[in-house]
Amino acid sequence: MTQTIRKLVTFDEFIAWYPDNPQRRYELHDGVIVEMPPPTGDHEEVISFLMLEIAAEIRRLKLPYIIPKTAFVKPLEGESAYSPDVLILNQPNL
């Protein structure tokens, strides 16, 4: 029996490797690159609703927040990179 030893990928290696192919999405889970399935219609409707409601509140309250379309979140520990459905960033903190 032959077993392949999988090389774990760092966050920086993952970002450098990430392809410019909008057809496929990937995340890094504890050093392992995982292809993410495309979102379903219901899922996209919920995300759209949330983004519209949050954006309206950001505008109404005149907050310095932005909602990026694509971003990776790196946890404090481990080698992971997650692409959240909705992310709110405080722009002055960037």
PDB file of N, CA and C in Angstrom:
ATOM      1  N   MET A   1       0.847  -1.177   0.000  1.00  0.00           N
ATOM      2  CA  MET A   1       0.000   0.000   0.000  1.00  0.00           C
ATOM      3  C   MET A   1       0.892   1.239   0.000  1.00  0.00           C
ATOM      4  N   THR A   2       0.612   2.135  -0.921  1.00  0.00           N
ATOM      5  CA  THR A   2       1.373   3.370  -1.025  1.00  0.00           C
ATOM      6  C   THR A   2       0.522   4.520  -0.514  1.00  0.00           C
ATOM      7  N   GLN A   3       1.133   5.377   0.279  1.00  0.00           N
ATOM      8  CA  GLN A   3       0.417   6.529   0.801  1.00  0.00           C
ATOM      9  C   GLN A   3       1.168   7.792   0.398  1.00  0.00           C
ATOM     10  N   THR A   4       0.452   8.729  -0.160  1.00  0.00           N
ATOM     11  CA  THR A   4       1.048   9.994  -0.554  1.00  0.00           C
ATOM     12  C   THR A   4       1.115  10.918   0.650  1.00  0.00           C
ATOM     13  N   ILE A   5       2.268  11.508   0.863  1.00  0.00           N
ATOM     14  CA  ILE A   5       2.411  12.472   1.944  1.00  0.00           C
ATOM     15  C   ILE A   5       2.017  13.836   1.390  1.00  0.00           C
ATOM     16  N   ARG A   6       1.032  14.421   1.995  1.00  0.00           N
ATOM     17  CA  ARG A   6       0.513  15.701   1.539  1.00  0.00           C
ATOM     18  C   ARG A   6       1.300  16.828   2.199  1.00  0.00           C
ATOM     19  N   LYS A   7       1.799  17.759   1.365  1.00  0.00           N
ATOM     20  CA  LYS A   7       2.518  18.909   1.893  1.00  0.00           C
ATOM     21  C   LYS A   7       1.494  19.955   2.310  1.00  0.00           C
ATOM     22  N   LEU A   8       1.600  20.417   3.537  1.00  0.00           N
ATOM     23  CA  LEU A   8       0.704  21.462   4.001  1.00  0.00           C
ATOM     24  C   LEU A   8       1.147  22.798   3.426  1.00  0.00           C
ATOM     25  N   VAL A   9       0.184  23.646   3.126  1.00  0.00           N
ATOM     26  CA  VAL A   9       0.421  24.923   2.484  1.00  0.00           C
ATOM     27  C   VAL A   9       0.244  26.034   3.520  1.00  0.00           C
ATOM     28  N   THR A  10       1.113  27.029   3.483  1.00  0.00           N
ATOM     29  CA  THR A  10       0.971  28.165   4.377  1.00  0.00           C
ATOM     30  C   THR A  10      -0.019  29.168   3.784  1.00  0.00           C
ATOM     31  N   PHE A  11      -0.455  30.095   4.604  1.00  0.00           N
ATOM     32  CA  PHE A  11      -1.363  31.149   4.141  1.00  0.00           C
ATOM     33  C   PHE A  11      -0.729  31.919   2.991  1.00  0.00           C
ATOM     34  N   ASP A  12       0.526  32.320   3.140  1.00  0.00           N
ATOM     35  CA  ASP A  12       1.210  33.092   2.092  1.00  0.00           C
ATOM     36  C   ASP A  12       1.354  32.290   0.800  1.00  0.00           C
ATOM     37  N   GLU A  13       1.656  30.999   0.906  1.00  0.00           N
ATOM     38  CA  GLU A  13       1.755  30.147  -0.290  1.00  0.00           C
ATOM     39  C   GLU A  13       0.394  30.034  -0.982  1.00  0.00           C
ATOM     40  N   PHE A  14      -0.659  29.922  -0.184  1.00  0.00           N
ATOM     41  CA  PHE A  14      -2.005  29.815  -0.730  1.00  0.00           C
ATOM     42  C   PHE A  14      -2.381  31.073  -1.502  1.00  0.00           C
ATOM     43  N   ILE A  15      -2.106  32.238  -0.934  1.00  0.00           N
ATOM     44  CA  ILE A  15      -2.425  33.510  -1.593  1.00  0.00           C
ATOM     45  C   ILE A  15      -1.634  33.640  -2.895  1.00  0.00           C
ATOM     46  N   ALA A  16      -0.366  33.267  -2.881  1.00  0.00           N
ATOM     47  CA  ALA A  16       0.459  33.333  -4.095  1.00  0.00           C
ATOM     48  C   ALA A  16      -0.033  32.343  -5.154  1.00  0.00           C
ATOM     49  N   TRP A  17      -0.513  31.185  -4.728  1.00  0.00           N
ATOM     50  CA  TRP A  17      -0.981  30.135  -5.643  1.00  0.00           C
ATOM     51  C   TRP A  17      -2.361  30.427  -6.218  1.00  0.00           C
ATOM     52  N   TYR A  18      -3.209  31.151  -5.507  1.00  0.00           N
ATOM     53  CA  TYR A  18      -4.629  31.263  -5.838  1.00  0.00           C
ATOM     54  C   TYR A  18      -4.837  31.654  -7.298  1.00  0.00           C
ATOM     55  N   PRO A  19      -5.571  30.826  -8.062  1.00  0.00           N
ATOM     56  CA  PRO A  19      -5.771  31.099  -9.500  1.00  0.00           C
ATOM     57  C   PRO A  19      -6.761  32.235  -9.752  1.00  0.00           C
ATOM     58  N   ASP A  20      -6.628  32.862 -10.887  1.00  0.00           N
ATOM     59  CA  ASP A  20      -7.545  33.925 -11.308  1.00  0.00           C
ATOM     60  C   ASP A  20      -8.694  33.338 -12.117  1.00  0.00           C
ATOM     61  N   ASN A  21      -9.319  32.320 -11.589  1.00  0.00           N
ATOM     62  CA  ASN A  21     -10.413  31.645 -12.290  1.00  0.00           C
ATOM     63  C   ASN A  21     -11.704  31.838 -11.497  1.00  0.00           C
ATOM     64  N   PRO A  22     -12.582  32.741 -11.919  1.00  0.00           N
ATOM     65  CA  PRO A  22     -13.805  32.980 -11.150  1.00  0.00           C
ATOM     66  C   PRO A  22     -14.779  31.798 -11.150  1.00  0.00           C
ATOM     67  N   GLN A  23     -14.506  30.791 -11.964  1.00  0.00           N
ATOM     68  CA  GLN A  23     -15.385  29.622 -12.016  1.00  0.00           C
ATOM     69  C   GLN A  23     -15.230  28.729 -10.783  1.00  0.00           C
ATOM     70  N   ARG A  24     -14.080  28.796 -10.144  1.00  0.00           N
ATOM     71  CA  ARG A  24     -13.809  27.924  -8.997  1.00  0.00           C
ATOM     72  C   ARG A  24     -13.347  28.750  -7.810  1.00  0.00           C
ATOM     73  N   ARG A  25     -13.770  28.307  -6.619  1.00  0.00           N
ATOM     74  CA  ARG A  25     -13.380  28.988  -5.391  1.00  0.00           C
ATOM     75  C   ARG A  25     -12.651  27.999  -4.491  1.00  0.00           C
ATOM     76  N   TYR A  26     -11.671  28.506  -3.782  1.00  0.00           N
ATOM     77  CA  TYR A  26     -10.883  27.667  -2.893  1.00  0.00           C
ATOM     78  C   TYR A  26     -10.740  28.336  -1.542  1.00  0.00           C
ATOM     79  N   GLU A  27     -10.560  27.513  -0.511  1.00  0.00           N
ATOM     80  CA  GLU A  27     -10.217  27.981   0.820  1.00  0.00           C
ATOM     81  C   GLU A  27      -9.074  27.122   1.327  1.00  0.00           C
ATOM     82  N   LEU A  28      -8.405  27.607   2.324  1.00  0.00           N
ATOM     83  CA  LEU A  28      -7.313  26.867   2.946  1.00  0.00           C
ATOM     84  C   LEU A  28      -7.771  26.442   4.330  1.00  0.00           C
ATOM     85  N   HIS A  29      -7.855  25.132   4.553  1.00  0.00           N
ATOM     86  CA  HIS A  29      -8.303  24.590   5.834  1.00  0.00           C
ATOM     87  C   HIS A  29      -7.151  23.860   6.489  1.00  0.00           C
ATOM     88  N   ASP A  30      -6.582  24.468   7.517  1.00  0.00           N
ATOM     89  CA  ASP A  30      -5.460  23.866   8.257  1.00  0.00           C
ATOM     90  C   ASP A  30      -4.356  23.384   7.328  1.00  0.00           C
ATOM     91  N   GLY A  31      -4.002  24.227   6.355  1.00  0.00           N
ATOM     92  CA  GLY A  31      -2.895  23.917   5.458  1.00  0.00           C
ATOM     93  C   GLY A  31      -3.272  23.101   4.234  1.00  0.00           C
ATOM     94  N   VAL A  32      -4.529  22.730   4.102  1.00  0.00           N
ATOM     95  CA  VAL A  32      -4.986  21.916   2.973  1.00  0.00           C
ATOM     96  C   VAL A  32      -5.903  22.772   2.087  1.00  0.00           C
ATOM     97  N   ILE A  33      -5.595  22.830   0.789  1.00  0.00           N
ATOM     98  CA  ILE A  33      -6.423  23.585  -0.154  1.00  0.00           C
ATOM     99  C   ILE A  33      -7.684  22.785  -0.461  1.00  0.00           C
ATOM    100  N   VAL A  34      -8.838  23.433  -0.288  1.00  0.00           N
ATOM    101  CA  VAL A  34     -10.129  22.780  -0.481  1.00  0.00           C
ATOM    102  C   VAL A  34     -10.916  23.562  -1.527  1.00  0.00           C
ATOM    103  N   GLU A  35     -11.393  22.860  -2.567  1.00  0.00           N
ATOM    104  CA  GLU A  35     -12.254  23.500  -3.553  1.00  0.00           C
ATOM    105  C   GLU A  35     -13.649  23.603  -2.972  1.00  0.00           C
ATOM    106  N   MET A  36     -14.220  24.802  -3.030  1.00  0.00           N
ATOM    107  CA  MET A  36     -15.531  25.036  -2.449  1.00  0.00           C
ATOM    108  C   MET A  36     -16.608  24.878  -3.527  1.00  0.00           C
ATOM    109  N   PRO A  37     -17.720  24.265  -3.182  1.00  0.00           N
ATOM    110  CA  PRO A  37     -18.790  24.114  -4.173  1.00  0.00           C
ATOM    111  C   PRO A  37     -19.417  25.472  -4.485  1.00  0.00           C
ATOM    112  N   PRO A  38     -19.982  25.617  -5.673  1.00  0.00           N
ATOM    113  CA  PRO A  38     -20.645  26.882  -5.989  1.00  0.00           C
ATOM    114  C   PRO A  38     -21.862  27.078  -5.091  1.00  0.00           C
ATOM    115  N   PRO A  39     -22.167  28.332  -4.750  1.00  0.00           N
ATOM    116  CA  PRO A  39     -23.332  28.574  -3.886  1.00  0.00           C
ATOM    117  C   PRO A  39     -24.632  28.267  -4.606  1.00  0.00           C
ATOM    118  N   THR A  40     -25.635  27.899  -3.840  1.00  0.00           N
ATOM    119  CA  THR A  40     -26.952  27.591  -4.404  1.00  0.00           C
ATOM    120  C   THR A  40     -27.771  28.876  -4.542  1.00  0.00           C
ATOM    121  N   GLY A  41     -28.861  28.814  -5.264  1.00  0.00           N
ATOM    122  CA  GLY A  41     -29.726  29.968  -5.456  1.00  0.00           C
ATOM    123  C   GLY A  41     -30.269  30.525  -4.154  1.00  0.00           C
ATOM    124  N   ASP A  42     -30.768  29.641  -3.273  1.00  0.00           N
ATOM    125  CA  ASP A  42     -31.298  30.085  -1.981  1.00  0.00           C
ATOM    126  C   ASP A  42     -30.215  30.774  -1.157  1.00  0.00           C
ATOM    127  N   HIS A  43     -29.044  30.210  -1.169  1.00  0.00           N
ATOM    128  CA  HIS A  43     -27.909  30.765  -0.430  1.00  0.00           C
ATOM    129  C   HIS A  43     -27.588  32.171  -0.942  1.00  0.00           C
ATOM    130  N   GLU A  44     -27.557  32.326  -2.249  1.00  0.00           N
ATOM    131  CA  GLU A  44     -27.262  33.625  -2.849  1.00  0.00           C
ATOM    132  C   GLU A  44     -28.343  34.649  -2.512  1.00  0.00           C
ATOM    133  N   GLU A  45     -29.591  34.237  -2.439  1.00  0.00           N
ATOM    134  CA  GLU A  45     -30.672  35.156  -2.074  1.00  0.00           C
ATOM    135  C   GLU A  45     -30.493  35.676  -0.650  1.00  0.00           C
ATOM    136  N   VAL A  46     -30.129  34.794   0.254  1.00  0.00           N
ATOM    137  CA  VAL A  46     -29.906  35.208   1.646  1.00  0.00           C
ATOM    138  C   VAL A  46     -28.724  36.173   1.726  1.00  0.00           C
ATOM    139  N   ILE A  47     -27.639  35.869   1.035  1.00  0.00           N
ATOM    140  CA  ILE A  47     -26.459  36.735   1.041  1.00  0.00           C
ATOM    141  C   ILE A  47     -26.820  38.103   0.465  1.00  0.00           C
ATOM    142  N   SER A  48     -27.546  38.133  -0.621  1.00  0.00           N
ATOM    143  CA  SER A  48     -27.954  39.388  -1.249  1.00  0.00           C
ATOM    144  C   SER A  48     -28.803  40.216  -0.286  1.00  0.00           C
ATOM    145  N   PHE A  49     -29.753  39.595   0.360  1.00  0.00           N
ATOM    146  CA  PHE A  49     -30.605  40.294   1.327  1.00  0.00           C
ATOM    147  C   PHE A  49     -29.770  40.893   2.451  1.00  0.00           C
ATOM    148  N   LEU A  50     -28.883  40.092   3.026  1.00  0.00           N
ATOM    149  CA  LEU A  50     -28.042  40.568   4.131  1.00  0.00           C
ATOM    150  C   LEU A  50     -27.172  41.745   3.709  1.00  0.00           C
ATOM    151  N   MET A  51     -26.551  41.638   2.545  1.00  0.00           N
ATOM    152  CA  MET A  51     -25.667  42.705   2.089  1.00  0.00           C
ATOM    153  C   MET A  51     -26.439  44.004   1.861  1.00  0.00           C
ATOM    154  N   LEU A  52     -27.626  43.926   1.277  1.00  0.00           N
ATOM    155  CA  LEU A  52     -28.426  45.127   1.060  1.00  0.00           C
ATOM    156  C   LEU A  52     -28.834  45.776   2.381  1.00  0.00           C
ATOM    157  N   GLU A  53     -29.270  44.975   3.327  1.00  0.00           N
ATOM    158  CA  GLU A  53     -29.699  45.503   4.627  1.00  0.00           C
ATOM    159  C   GLU A  53     -28.520  46.108   5.405  1.00  0.00           C
ATOM    160  N   ILE A  54     -27.413  45.410   5.401  1.00  0.00           N
ATOM    161  CA  ILE A  54     -26.230  45.910   6.117  1.00  0.00           C
ATOM    162  C   ILE A  54     -25.711  47.183   5.461  1.00  0.00           C
ATOM    163  N   ALA A  55     -25.644  47.202   4.141  1.00  0.00           N
ATOM    164  CA  ALA A  55     -25.164  48.386   3.426  1.00  0.00           C
ATOM    165  C   ALA A  55     -26.069  49.586   3.693  1.00  0.00           C
ATOM    166  N   ALA A  56     -27.379  49.378   3.760  1.00  0.00           N
ATOM    167  CA  ALA A  56     -28.307  50.479   4.048  1.00  0.00           C
ATOM    168  C   ALA A  56     -28.049  51.045   5.438  1.00  0.00           C
ATOM    169  N   GLU A  57     -27.784  50.179   6.409  1.00  0.00           N
ATOM    170  CA  GLU A  57     -27.501  50.639   7.770  1.00  0.00           C
ATOM    171  C   GLU A  57     -26.153  51.368   7.850  1.00  0.00           C
ATOM    172  N   ILE A  58     -25.173  50.861   7.126  1.00  0.00           N
ATOM    173  CA  ILE A  58     -23.865  51.530   7.093  1.00  0.00           C
ATOM    174  C   ILE A  58     -24.027  52.946   6.547  1.00  0.00           C
ATOM    175  N   ARG A  59     -24.772  53.072   5.470  1.00  0.00           N
ATOM    176  CA  ARG A  59     -25.003  54.391   4.865  1.00  0.00           C
ATOM    177  C   ARG A  59     -25.821  55.283   5.805  1.00  0.00           C
ATOM    178  N   ARG A  60     -26.885  54.740   6.375  1.00  0.00           N
ATOM    179  CA  ARG A  60     -27.755  55.522   7.265  1.00  0.00           C
ATOM    180  C   ARG A  60     -27.000  56.051   8.474  1.00  0.00           C
ATOM    181  N   LEU A  61     -26.141  55.217   9.049  1.00  0.00           N
ATOM    182  CA  LEU A  61     -25.391  55.603  10.243  1.00  0.00           C
ATOM    183  C   LEU A  61     -24.079  56.316   9.924  1.00  0.00           C
ATOM    184  N   LYS A  62     -23.789  56.446   8.620  1.00  0.00           N
ATOM    185  CA  LYS A  62     -22.557  57.114   8.151  1.00  0.00           C
ATOM    186  C   LYS A  62     -21.313  56.499   8.795  1.00  0.00           C
ATOM    187  N   LEU A  63     -21.262  55.177   8.762  1.00  0.00           N
ATOM    188  CA  LEU A  63     -20.136  54.448   9.338  1.00  0.00           C
ATOM    189  C   LEU A  63     -19.037  54.277   8.295  1.00  0.00           C
ATOM    190  N   PRO A  64     -17.779  54.200   8.730  1.00  0.00           N
ATOM    191  CA  PRO A  64     -16.667  54.066   7.782  1.00  0.00           C
ATOM    192  C   PRO A  64     -16.389  52.609   7.397  1.00  0.00           C
ATOM    193  N   TYR A  65     -17.431  51.843   7.177  1.00  0.00           N
ATOM    194  CA  TYR A  65     -17.281  50.426   6.884  1.00  0.00           C
ATOM    195  C   TYR A  65     -17.398  50.177   5.387  1.00  0.00           C
ATOM    196  N   ILE A  66     -16.754  49.126   4.942  1.00  0.00           N
ATOM    197  CA  ILE A  66     -16.879  48.676   3.564  1.00  0.00           C
ATOM    198  C   ILE A  66     -17.223  47.185   3.573  1.00  0.00           C
ATOM    199  N   ILE A  67     -17.823  46.736   2.483  1.00  0.00           N
ATOM    200  CA  ILE A  67     -18.161  45.321   2.325  1.00  0.00           C
ATOM    201  C   ILE A  67     -17.450  44.840   1.065  1.00  0.00           C
ATOM    202  N   PRO A  68     -16.263  44.227   1.213  1.00  0.00           N
ATOM    203  CA  PRO A  68     -15.548  43.771   0.024  1.00  0.00           C
ATOM    204  C   PRO A  68     -16.249  42.592  -0.634  1.00  0.00           C
ATOM    205  N   LYS A  69     -16.111  42.524  -1.954  1.00  0.00           N
ATOM    206  CA  LYS A  69     -16.723  41.419  -2.696  1.00  0.00           C
ATOM    207  C   LYS A  69     -15.969  40.119  -2.440  1.00  0.00           C
ATOM    208  N   THR A  70     -14.656  40.193  -2.484  1.00  0.00           N
ATOM    209  CA  THR A  70     -13.841  39.011  -2.234  1.00  0.00           C
ATOM    210  C   THR A  70     -12.747  39.358  -1.237  1.00  0.00           C
ATOM    211  N   ALA A  71     -12.570  38.490  -0.279  1.00  0.00           N
ATOM    212  CA  ALA A  71     -11.517  38.677   0.723  1.00  0.00           C
ATOM    213  C   ALA A  71     -11.287  37.353   1.423  1.00  0.00           C
ATOM    214  N   PHE A  72     -10.097  37.203   1.951  1.00  0.00           N
ATOM    215  CA  PHE A  72      -9.789  36.031   2.769  1.00  0.00           C
ATOM    216  C   PHE A  72      -9.575  36.476   4.199  1.00  0.00           C
ATOM    217  N   VAL A  73     -10.091  35.689   5.121  1.00  0.00           N
ATOM    218  CA  VAL A  73      -9.904  35.936   6.539  1.00  0.00           C
ATOM    219  C   VAL A  73      -8.939  34.889   7.054  1.00  0.00           C
ATOM    220  N   LYS A  74      -7.884  35.349   7.725  1.00  0.00           N
ATOM    221  CA  LYS A  74      -6.892  34.444   8.295  1.00  0.00           C
ATOM    222  C   LYS A  74      -7.097  34.402   9.799  1.00  0.00           C
ATOM    223  N   PRO A  75      -7.430  33.227  10.345  1.00  0.00           N
ATOM    224  CA  PRO A  75      -7.574  33.119  11.792  1.00  0.00           C
ATOM    225  C   PRO A  75      -6.247  33.427  12.502  1.00  0.00           C
ATOM    226  N   LEU A  76      -6.330  33.760  13.770  1.00  0.00           N
ATOM    227  CA  LEU A  76      -5.122  34.082  14.531  1.00  0.00           C
ATOM    228  C   LEU A  76      -4.172  32.898  14.637  1.00  0.00           C
ATOM    229  N   GLU A  77      -4.729  31.700  14.683  1.00  0.00           N
ATOM    230  CA  GLU A  77      -3.897  30.501  14.804  1.00  0.00           C
ATOM    231  C   GLU A  77      -4.102  29.595  13.601  1.00  0.00           C
ATOM    232  N   GLY A  78      -3.049  28.867  13.246  1.00  0.00           N
ATOM    233  CA  GLY A  78      -3.148  27.883  12.176  1.00  0.00           C
ATOM    234  C   GLY A  78      -2.946  28.492  10.803  1.00  0.00           C
ATOM    235  N   GLU A  79      -2.909  27.628   9.811  1.00  0.00           N
ATOM    236  CA  GLU A  79      -2.743  28.040   8.419  1.00  0.00           C
ATOM    237  C   GLU A  79      -4.051  27.808   7.682  1.00  0.00           C
ATOM    238  N   SER A  80      -4.939  28.787   7.771  1.00  0.00           N
ATOM    239  CA  SER A  80      -6.232  28.709   7.105  1.00  0.00           C
ATOM    240  C   SER A  80      -6.541  30.051   6.457  1.00  0.00           C
ATOM    241  N   ALA A  81      -7.415  30.011   5.469  1.00  0.00           N
ATOM    242  CA  ALA A  81      -7.883  31.222   4.792  1.00  0.00           C
ATOM    243  C   ALA A  81      -9.315  30.956   4.363  1.00  0.00           C
ATOM    244  N   TYR A  82     -10.224  31.678   4.967  1.00  0.00           N
ATOM    245  CA  TYR A  82     -11.636  31.478   4.680  1.00  0.00           C
ATOM    246  C   TYR A  82     -12.187  32.663   3.897  1.00  0.00           C
ATOM    247  N   SER A  83     -13.085  32.378   2.978  1.00  0.00           N
ATOM    248  CA  SER A  83     -13.736  33.406   2.186  1.00  0.00           C
ATOM    249  C   SER A  83     -15.171  33.529   2.680  1.00  0.00           C
ATOM    250  N   PRO A  84     -15.444  34.510   3.552  1.00  0.00           N
ATOM    251  CA  PRO A  84     -16.784  34.611   4.124  1.00  0.00           C
ATOM    252  C   PRO A  84     -17.809  35.077   3.088  1.00  0.00           C
ATOM    253  N   ASP A  85     -19.055  34.735   3.328  1.00  0.00           N
ATOM    254  CA  ASP A  85     -20.133  35.169   2.440  1.00  0.00           C
ATOM    255  C   ASP A  85     -20.325  36.680   2.532  1.00  0.00           C
ATOM    256  N   VAL A  86     -20.232  37.211   3.734  1.00  0.00           N
ATOM    257  CA  VAL A  86     -20.348  38.653   3.956  1.00  0.00           C
ATOM    258  C   VAL A  86     -19.269  39.052   4.956  1.00  0.00           C
ATOM    259  N   LEU A  87     -18.549  40.101   4.616  1.00  0.00           N
ATOM    260  CA  LEU A  87     -17.494  40.601   5.491  1.00  0.00           C
ATOM    261  C   LEU A  87     -17.622  42.110   5.580  1.00  0.00           C
ATOM    262  N   ILE A  88     -17.623  42.629   6.788  1.00  0.00           N
ATOM    263  CA  ILE A  88     -17.709  44.069   7.000  1.00  0.00           C
ATOM    264  C   ILE A  88     -16.370  44.517   7.580  1.00  0.00           C
ATOM    265  N   LEU A  89     -15.717  45.455   6.886  1.00  0.00           N
ATOM    266  CA  LEU A  89     -14.420  45.941   7.331  1.00  0.00           C
ATOM    267  C   LEU A  89     -14.515  47.392   7.759  1.00  0.00           C
ATOM    268  N   ASN A  90     -13.854  47.707   8.857  1.00  0.00           N
ATOM    269  CA  ASN A  90     -13.734  49.080   9.305  1.00  0.00           C
ATOM    270  C   ASN A  90     -12.559  49.676   8.539  1.00  0.00           C
ATOM    271  N   GLN A  91     -12.854  50.468   7.512  1.00  0.00           N
ATOM    272  CA  GLN A  91     -11.820  50.946   6.599  1.00  0.00           C
ATOM    273  C   GLN A  91     -10.666  51.673   7.285  1.00  0.00           C
ATOM    274  N   PRO A  92     -10.881  52.547   8.294  1.00  0.00           N
ATOM    275  CA  PRO A  92      -9.751  53.195   8.944  1.00  0.00           C
ATOM    276  C   PRO A  92      -8.781  52.208   9.610  1.00  0.00           C
ATOM    277  N   ASN A  93      -9.247  51.020   9.969  1.00  0.00           N
ATOM    278  CA  ASN A  93      -8.368  50.036  10.593  1.00  0.00           C
ATOM    279  C   ASN A  93      -7.486  49.306   9.601  1.00  0.00           C
ATOM    280  N   LEU A  94      -7.760  49.484   8.305  1.00  0.00           N
ATOM    281  CA  LEU A  94      -6.916  48.839   7.299  1.00  0.00           C
ATOM    282  C   LEU A  94      -5.617  49.584   7.220  1.00  0.00           C
TER     283      LEU A  94
END
